[in-house]
C-alpha atoms as a PDB file:
ATOM      1  CA  MET A   1       4.827 -63.606  -5.014  1.00  0.00           C
ATOM      2  CA  LEU A   2       2.340 -63.197  -7.828  1.00  0.00           C
ATOM      3  CA  ALA A   3       2.321 -59.420  -7.374  1.00  0.00           C
ATOM      4  CA  LYS A   4       6.085 -59.203  -7.765  1.00  0.00           C
ATOM      5  CA  ILE A   5       5.965 -61.198 -11.000  1.00  0.00           C
ATOM      6  CA  ARG A   6       3.159 -59.123 -12.514  1.00  0.00           C
ATOM      7  CA  LEU A   7       4.372 -55.696 -11.278  1.00  0.00           C
ATOM      8  CA  PRO A   8       6.616 -54.854 -14.290  1.00  0.00           C
ATOM      9  CA  HIS A   9       3.773 -55.727 -16.693  1.00  0.00           C
ATOM     10  CA  TYR A  10       1.322 -53.646 -14.625  1.00  0.00           C
ATOM     11  CA  LEU A  11       3.677 -50.666 -14.572  1.00  0.00           C
ATOM     12  CA  SER A  12       4.281 -50.775 -18.319  1.00  0.00           C
ATOM     13  CA  THR A  13       0.556 -51.114 -18.979  1.00  0.00           C
ATOM     14  CA  MET A  14      -0.313 -48.229 -16.688  1.00  0.00           C
ATOM     15  CA  SER A  15       2.381 -46.036 -18.279  1.00  0.00           C
ATOM     16  CA  ALA A  16       0.981 -46.727 -21.726  1.00  0.00           C
ATOM     17  CA  THR A  17      -2.695 -46.224 -20.803  1.00  0.00           C
ATOM     18  CA  HIS A  18      -2.301 -43.480 -18.185  1.00  0.00           C
ATOM     19  CA  PRO A  19       0.573 -41.200 -19.199  1.00  0.00           C
ATOM     20  CA  ARG A  20       1.976 -39.020 -16.457  1.00  0.00           C
ATOM     21  CA  PRO A  21       0.892 -35.374 -16.563  1.00  0.00           C
ATOM     22  CA  GLN A  22       3.412 -32.942 -17.919  1.00  0.00           C
ATOM     23  CA  ILE A  23       5.074 -31.207 -15.016  1.00  0.00           C
ATOM     24  CA  PRO A  24       6.360 -27.774 -15.863  1.00  0.00           C
ATOM     25  CA  PRO A  25      10.060 -27.280 -15.246  1.00  0.00           C
ATOM     26  CA  ALA A  26      11.012 -25.594 -12.000  1.00  0.00           C
ATOM     27  CA  GLU A  27      11.381 -21.865 -12.361  1.00  0.00           C
ATOM     28  CA  THR A  28      14.817 -20.353 -12.329  1.00  0.00           C
ATOM     29  CA  ASP A  29      15.874 -17.889  -9.646  1.00  0.00           C
ATOM     30  CA  GLU A  30      15.489 -15.103 -12.197  1.00  0.00           C
ATOM     31  CA  GLN A  31      11.988 -16.229 -13.132  1.00  0.00           C
ATOM     32  CA  ARG A  32      11.012 -16.523  -9.465  1.00  0.00           C
ATOM     33  CA  HIS A  33      12.363 -13.052  -8.726  1.00  0.00           C
ATOM     34  CA  SER A  34      10.465 -11.611 -11.699  1.00  0.00           C
ATOM     35  CA  ARG A  35       7.223 -13.367 -10.723  1.00  0.00           C
ATOM     36  CA  LEU A  36       7.455 -12.214  -7.096  1.00  0.00           C
ATOM     37  CA  ALA A  37       8.193  -8.617  -8.190  1.00  0.00           C
ATOM     38  CA  GLU A  38       5.116  -8.644 -10.440  1.00  0.00           C
ATOM     39  CA  GLU A  39       2.944 -10.089  -7.649  1.00  0.00           C
ATOM     40  CA  GLU A  40       4.212  -7.388  -5.290  1.00  0.00           C
ATOM     41  CA  ARG A  41       3.435  -4.694  -7.884  1.00  0.00           C
ATOM     42  CA  LEU A  42      -0.095  -5.989  -8.344  1.00  0.00           C
ATOM     43  CA  LEU A  43      -0.693  -6.133  -4.587  1.00  0.00           C
ATOM     44  CA  ASP A  44       0.584  -2.584  -4.171  1.00  0.00           C
ATOM     45  CA  GLU A  45      -1.762  -1.448  -6.949  1.00  0.00           C
ATOM     46  CA  ALA A  46      -4.744  -3.195  -5.320  1.00  0.00           C
ATOM     47  CA  GLU A  47      -3.925  -1.728  -1.897  1.00  0.00           C
ATOM     48  CA  ALA A  48      -3.653   1.779  -3.402  1.00  0.00           C
ATOM     49  CA  GLU A  49      -7.051   1.389  -5.080  1.00  0.00           C
ATOM     50  CA  ALA A  50      -8.614   0.197  -1.838  1.00  0.00           C
ATOM     51  CA  ALA A  51      -7.015   3.078   0.108  1.00  0.00           C
ATOM     52  CA  ALA A  52      -8.488   5.496  -2.471  1.00  0.00           C
ATOM     53  CA  GLY A  53     -11.940   4.023  -1.872  1.00  0.00           C
ATOM     54  CA  LEU A  54     -12.103   2.227  -5.221  1.00  0.00           C
ATOM     55  CA  LEU A  55     -13.795  -1.154  -5.328  1.00  0.00           C
ATOM     56  CA  ILE A  56     -15.588  -3.581  -7.576  1.00  0.00           C
ATOM     57  CA  PRO A  57     -19.179  -4.115  -6.412  1.00  0.00           C
ATOM     58  CA  GLN A  58     -20.017  -7.748  -5.680  1.00  0.00           C
ATOM     59  CA  ALA A  59     -22.858  -7.722  -8.226  1.00  0.00           C
ATOM     60  CA  ASP A  60     -20.478  -6.568 -10.971  1.00  0.00           C
ATOM     61  CA  ALA A  61     -17.930  -9.236 -10.049  1.00  0.00           C
ATOM     62  CA  ASN A  62     -20.608 -11.950 -10.002  1.00  0.00           C
ATOM     63  CA  ALA A  63     -22.028 -10.879 -13.375  1.00  0.00           C
ATOM     64  CA  TRP A  64     -18.550 -10.949 -14.899  1.00  0.00           C
ATOM     65  CA  ILE A  65     -17.716 -14.362 -13.427  1.00  0.00           C
ATOM     66  CA  ASN A  66     -21.024 -15.827 -14.579  1.00  0.00           C
ATOM     67  CA  SER A  67     -20.433 -14.508 -18.113  1.00  0.00           C
ATOM     68  CA  LEU A  68     -17.083 -16.302 -18.501  1.00  0.00           C
ATOM     69  CA  GLY A  69     -17.250 -19.231 -20.897  1.00  0.00           C
ATOM     70  CA  THR A  70     -20.461 -17.960 -22.478  1.00  0.00           C
ATOM     71  CA  ALA A  71     -21.009 -16.665 -26.001  1.00  0.00           C
ATOM     72  CA  ASN A  72     -21.013 -13.070 -24.665  1.00  0.00           C
ATOM     73  CA  PRO A  73     -18.452 -12.699 -21.887  1.00  0.00           C
ATOM     74  CA  LEU A  74     -18.502  -9.329 -20.133  1.00  0.00           C
ATOM     75  CA  PRO A  75     -15.351  -7.221 -19.869  1.00  0.00           C
ATOM     76  CA  MET A  76     -13.599  -7.476 -16.531  1.00  0.00           C
ATOM     77  CA  PRO A  77     -15.083  -4.885 -14.171  1.00  0.00           C
ATOM     78  CA  GLN A  78     -12.864  -2.038 -13.092  1.00  0.00           C
ATOM     79  CA  PRO A  79     -12.557  -0.630  -9.599  1.00  0.00           C
ATOM     80  CA  ARG A  80     -14.643   2.527  -9.028  1.00  0.00           C
ATOM     81  CA  LYS A  81     -15.977   4.736  -6.253  1.00  0.00           C
ATOM     82  CA  PRO A  82     -19.176   3.322  -4.727  1.00  0.00           C
ATOM     83  CA  ASP A  83     -22.436   4.912  -5.885  1.00  0.00           C
END
């Protein structure tokens, strides 16, 4: 019984001290269609690069990733033919 009496106070306290995260609004059908079309375009581009033998060496990718958030971030590596 004590829990039922204190629950409204607990909920109002938690709402004030722990606000809910902002949830982005659901995407519209048009936004979803646009996003999926862009994802498909990017996948097609990546598959074409792979088919042409272009790749990003693991060492280049690791160096770029490790530079993110530093004072001197490296530019994103570009796909190229292996050496």
